[in-house]
C-alpha cells in the first residue's frame, strides 16, 4: 500500500461524492507502477476520473503509461501535478 499524499487526498475529497471518497483513496493506495512516483500515478488517475468513481476504477485499470500520457503527466509532469493539486509536494 502506498499512502496518498495530502494534496491528492484533498483533491479526492473535493472532487468525489462523500460516499465514494474512501473507496477512491483505497483504490489509489493499491496502485503500483514500478520505479514511478506514486503521487504521479495517483494524480493521473484522479485527473482522468473527473470526480466519478466509475472513471477512477477505469483509470486505475488501464496501463499506467497510458494514464500518465492521457492525463497530461507523460512528459514534464511536475508542473501539471502542481497546477492540478497545489504547489509543492506535501
Protein backbone atom coordinates (compact mmCIF):
# COMPACT_ATOMS: atom_id res chain seq x y z
CA UNK A 1 0.00 0.00 0.00
CA UNK A 2 1.26 3.42 -0.94
CA UNK A 3 -0.22 6.31 1.06
CA UNK A 4 -1.90 9.10 -0.86
CA UNK A 5 -0.24 12.50 -0.44
CA UNK A 6 -2.17 15.18 1.46
CA UNK A 7 -2.66 17.30 -1.66
CA UNK A 8 -4.02 14.40 -3.72
CA UNK A 9 -6.27 13.35 -0.84
CA UNK A 10 -7.61 16.92 -0.57
CA UNK A 11 -8.46 16.86 -4.29
CA UNK A 12 -10.22 13.49 -3.95
CA UNK A 13 -12.30 14.89 -1.08
CA UNK A 14 -13.19 17.92 -3.22
CA UNK A 15 -13.94 16.09 -6.46
CA UNK A 16 -15.77 12.95 -5.37
CA UNK A 17 -19.08 12.34 -3.62
CA UNK A 18 -18.58 11.83 0.11
CA UNK A 19 -19.80 8.23 -0.20
CA UNK A 20 -17.04 7.47 -2.74
CA UNK A 21 -14.04 9.13 -1.07
CA UNK A 22 -12.85 6.15 0.98
CA UNK A 23 -13.25 3.80 -1.98
CA UNK A 24 -11.22 6.09 -4.24
CA UNK A 25 -8.49 6.54 -1.61
CA UNK A 26 -8.24 2.76 -1.14
CA UNK A 27 -8.09 2.31 -4.90
CA UNK A 28 -5.27 4.83 -5.19
CA UNK A 29 -3.34 3.24 -2.31
CA UNK A 30 -3.50 -0.13 -4.08
CA UNK A 31 -1.82 1.17 -7.24
CA UNK A 32 1.79 0.43 -8.06
CA UNK A 33 3.91 1.25 -11.08
CA UNK A 34 7.49 0.00 -10.92
CA UNK A 35 10.00 2.81 -10.34
CA UNK A 36 7.36 5.54 -10.73
CA UNK A 37 6.46 8.28 -8.27
CA UNK A 38 3.23 7.13 -6.56
CA UNK A 39 1.94 10.71 -6.40
CA UNK A 40 2.27 10.95 -10.17
CA UNK A 41 0.24 7.77 -10.62
CA UNK A 42 -2.38 8.78 -8.07
CA UNK A 43 -2.65 12.23 -9.64
CA UNK A 44 -3.05 10.82 -13.14
CA UNK A 45 -5.92 8.59 -12.02
CA UNK A 46 -7.66 11.45 -10.20
CA UNK A 47 -7.34 13.74 -13.23
CA UNK A 48 -8.75 11.09 -15.56
CA UNK A 49 -11.56 10.23 -13.12
CA UNK A 50 -13.11 13.71 -13.19
CA UNK A 51 -14.84 13.08 -9.88
CA UNK A 52 -16.59 9.88 -10.96
CA UNK A 53 -15.99 6.58 -9.16
CA UNK A 54 -16.52 4.51 -12.32
CA UNK A 55 -13.94 6.59 -14.19
CA UNK A 56 -11.49 6.22 -11.29
CA UNK A 57 -11.87 2.45 -11.48
CA UNK A 58 -11.33 2.59 -15.24
CA UNK A 59 -8.28 4.88 -14.94
CA UNK A 60 -6.76 2.56 -12.34
CA UNK A 61 -7.27 -0.43 -14.63
CA UNK A 62 -5.52 0.93 -17.73
CA UNK A 63 -1.77 0.70 -18.28
CA UNK A 64 -0.05 3.27 -16.06
CA UNK A 65 1.87 4.64 -19.05
CA UNK A 66 -1.41 5.44 -20.80
CA UNK A 67 -2.74 7.04 -17.62
CA UNK A 68 0.32 9.30 -17.50
CA UNK A 69 0.04 10.38 -21.13
CA UNK A 70 -3.75 10.79 -21.21
CA UNK A 71 -3.76 12.85 -18.02
CA UNK A 72 -1.09 15.21 -19.34
CA UNK A 73 1.53 13.84 -16.95
CA UNK A 74 3.55 11.92 -19.51
CA UNK A 75 6.49 14.26 -20.03
CA UNK A 76 7.34 17.14 -17.75
CA UNK A 77 4.74 16.19 -15.17
CA UNK A 78 5.85 18.22 -12.13
CA UNK A 79 4.16 21.45 -13.31
CA UNK A 80 0.95 19.56 -14.10
CA UNK A 81 0.93 18.00 -10.64
CA UNK A 82 1.49 21.39 -9.01
CA UNK A 83 -1.17 23.07 -11.15
CA UNK A 84 -3.78 20.40 -10.52
CA UNK A 85 -3.07 19.63 -6.86
CA UNK A 86 -1.32 22.66 -5.41
CA UNK A 87 2.33 23.67 -5.35
CA UNK A 88 5.00 21.54 -3.80
CA UNK A 89 4.98 18.02 -2.53
CA UNK A 90 3.38 17.75 0.90
